[in-house]
Amino acid sequence: MTTSSIRTAHWPVESTPRSRSRVGTIALWIVQIATAAMFLFTGSLKLAGAPMMVGLFDVIGIGQWFRYLTGGIEVVSALLLLVPSLAFFGALLSVPTMVGAVLTHVVIVGGSPAPAMVLLVAASTIAWMRRSGR
């Protein structure tokens, strides 16, 4: 036996990254679709000028342009989450948006930051799982 055959016989070298199990892939897609649906819903409310959203952004005090910006980011993130090759970027785009939402609820607006925290965790998980094209 040669040295290389002994080496590979005892220490197999994995040339491709380990793929996710079928159950893991399905679970990730469920999280992505649910997260995309929430971003699409809330982003659409912001862009449509729902009175609740207009009032919320009045309390924030930056201006209604910020509502349009945030709504646009959420809608674009939602669409990117539904495209496998772009899901990482959609999740990555939404993470700072949700950090801002959590901080805004805690510091300025009041109320529960729980929905924004759930979306932050979901987006962070998607970004982690979809890194490097996985």
Protein backbone atom coordinates (compact mmCIF):
# COMPACT_ATOMS: atom_id res chain seq x y z
CA MET A 1 0.00 0.00 0.00
CA THR A 2 1.12 3.51 -0.72
CA THR A 3 1.13 6.28 1.80
CA SER A 4 -1.79 8.08 0.13
CA SER A 5 -4.01 4.98 0.13
CA ILE A 6 -3.28 4.41 3.82
CA ARG A 7 -4.05 8.05 4.58
CA THR A 8 -7.39 7.99 2.77
CA ALA A 9 -8.29 4.59 4.20
CA HIS A 10 -8.03 5.91 7.76
CA TRP A 11 -8.84 9.58 7.31
CA PRO A 12 -11.32 10.11 4.52
CA VAL A 13 -11.12 13.54 2.98
CA GLU A 14 -14.45 15.11 2.24
CA SER A 15 -14.15 17.14 -0.94
CA THR A 16 -17.65 18.65 -0.86
CA PRO A 17 -19.36 20.34 2.06
CA ARG A 18 -21.83 18.16 3.90
CA SER A 19 -25.31 18.79 2.59
CA ARG A 20 -28.27 19.53 4.78
CA SER A 21 -30.74 16.70 5.44
CA ARG A 22 -34.05 16.70 3.63
CA VAL A 23 -35.88 17.57 6.86
CA GLY A 24 -33.45 20.43 7.51
CA THR A 25 -33.95 21.79 4.01
CA ILE A 26 -37.74 21.64 4.36
CA ALA A 27 -37.57 23.33 7.78
CA LEU A 28 -35.36 26.10 6.39
CA TRP A 29 -37.77 26.69 3.52
CA ILE A 30 -40.71 26.87 5.93
CA VAL A 31 -38.86 29.49 7.98
CA GLN A 32 -37.92 31.41 4.82
CA ILE A 33 -41.46 31.41 3.44
CA ALA A 34 -43.00 32.44 6.78
CA THR A 35 -40.39 35.19 7.24
CA ALA A 36 -40.88 36.40 3.67
CA ALA A 37 -44.66 36.49 4.20
CA MET A 38 -44.28 38.62 7.34
CA PHE A 39 -41.86 41.02 5.64
CA LEU A 40 -44.13 41.27 2.61
CA PHE A 41 -47.15 41.93 4.82
CA THR A 42 -45.58 44.58 7.04
CA GLY A 43 -43.65 46.17 4.18
CA SER A 44 -46.82 46.43 2.09
CA LEU A 45 -48.68 48.05 4.99
CA LYS A 46 -45.92 50.66 5.25
CA LEU A 47 -45.85 51.34 1.51
CA ALA A 48 -49.66 51.49 1.27
CA GLY A 49 -49.81 54.10 4.03
CA ALA A 50 -51.88 52.12 6.52
CA PRO A 51 -52.97 54.55 9.25
CA MET A 52 -51.35 52.42 11.96
CA MET A 53 -47.98 52.61 10.15
CA VAL A 54 -48.27 56.32 9.44
CA GLY A 55 -48.97 56.90 13.14
CA LEU A 56 -46.07 54.69 14.17
CA PHE A 57 -43.62 56.60 11.98
CA ASP A 58 -45.04 59.92 13.25
CA VAL A 59 -44.08 58.79 16.76
CA ILE A 60 -40.61 57.80 15.56
CA GLY A 61 -40.24 61.38 14.35
CA ILE A 62 -37.83 60.98 11.44
CA GLY A 63 -40.45 61.52 8.74
CA GLN A 64 -42.65 59.49 6.47
CA TRP A 65 -39.80 59.00 3.98
CA PHE A 66 -38.39 56.55 6.54
CA ARG A 67 -41.63 54.54 6.40
CA TYR A 68 -41.25 54.21 2.64
CA LEU A 69 -37.58 53.24 2.98
CA THR A 70 -38.30 50.63 5.64
CA GLY A 71 -41.28 49.27 3.73
CA GLY A 72 -39.23 49.04 0.55
CA ILE A 73 -36.43 47.21 2.33
CA GLU A 74 -38.91 44.74 3.83
CA VAL A 75 -40.61 44.02 0.49
CA VAL A 76 -37.28 43.57 -1.32
CA SER A 77 -36.02 41.33 1.50
CA ALA A 78 -39.18 39.23 1.26
CA LEU A 79 -38.77 38.71 -2.47
CA LEU A 80 -35.08 37.86 -2.13
CA LEU A 81 -35.87 35.29 0.57
CA LEU A 82 -37.95 33.35 -1.96
CA VAL A 83 -35.11 32.97 -4.48
CA PRO A 84 -32.66 30.26 -3.35
CA SER A 85 -29.55 31.94 -4.76
CA LEU A 86 -30.52 35.32 -3.26
CA ALA A 87 -32.02 34.23 0.09
CA PHE A 88 -28.76 34.93 1.93
CA PHE A 89 -28.80 38.54 0.72
CA GLY A 90 -32.48 38.98 1.59
CA ALA A 91 -31.83 37.75 5.10
CA LEU A 92 -28.71 39.87 5.43
CA LEU A 93 -30.61 42.97 4.28
CA SER A 94 -33.34 42.42 6.85
CA VAL A 95 -31.08 41.87 9.88
CA PRO A 96 -30.10 45.55 10.42
CA THR A 97 -33.69 46.56 9.69
CA MET A 98 -34.93 44.31 12.48
CA VAL A 99 -32.18 45.45 14.87
CA GLY A 100 -33.43 48.98 14.22
CA ALA A 101 -37.03 47.89 14.79
CA VAL A 102 -36.19 46.25 18.12
CA LEU A 103 -34.25 49.32 19.29
CA THR A 104 -37.04 51.63 18.12
CA HIS A 105 -39.62 49.71 20.13
CA VAL A 106 -37.44 49.62 23.23
CA VAL A 107 -36.19 53.22 23.14
CA ILE A 108 -38.76 55.36 21.28
CA VAL A 109 -42.14 53.78 20.62
CA GLY A 110 -42.69 51.41 23.49
CA GLY A 111 -44.79 48.32 23.12
CA SER A 112 -43.49 44.85 22.63
CA PRO A 113 -40.40 44.32 20.50
CA ALA A 114 -41.21 40.56 20.36
CA PRO A 115 -42.42 40.43 16.72
CA ALA A 116 -39.32 42.29 15.54
CA MET A 117 -37.12 40.02 17.68
CA VAL A 118 -38.70 36.90 16.18
CA LEU A 119 -38.06 38.24 12.66
CA LEU A 120 -34.50 39.17 13.66
CA VAL A 121 -33.83 35.63 14.88
CA ALA A 122 -35.44 34.13 11.78
CA ALA A 123 -33.47 36.38 9.40
CA SER A 124 -30.23 35.71 11.27
CA THR A 125 -30.86 31.96 11.12
CA ILE A 126 -31.60 32.10 7.39
CA ALA A 127 -28.46 34.15 6.74
CA TRP A 128 -26.37 31.67 8.72
CA MET A 129 -27.86 28.62 7.04
CA ARG A 130 -27.68 30.13 3.53
CA ARG A 131 -24.11 31.44 3.80
CA SER A 132 -21.75 30.30 1.06
CA GLY A 133 -24.59 29.13 -1.15
CA ARG A 134 -25.75 26.36 1.17
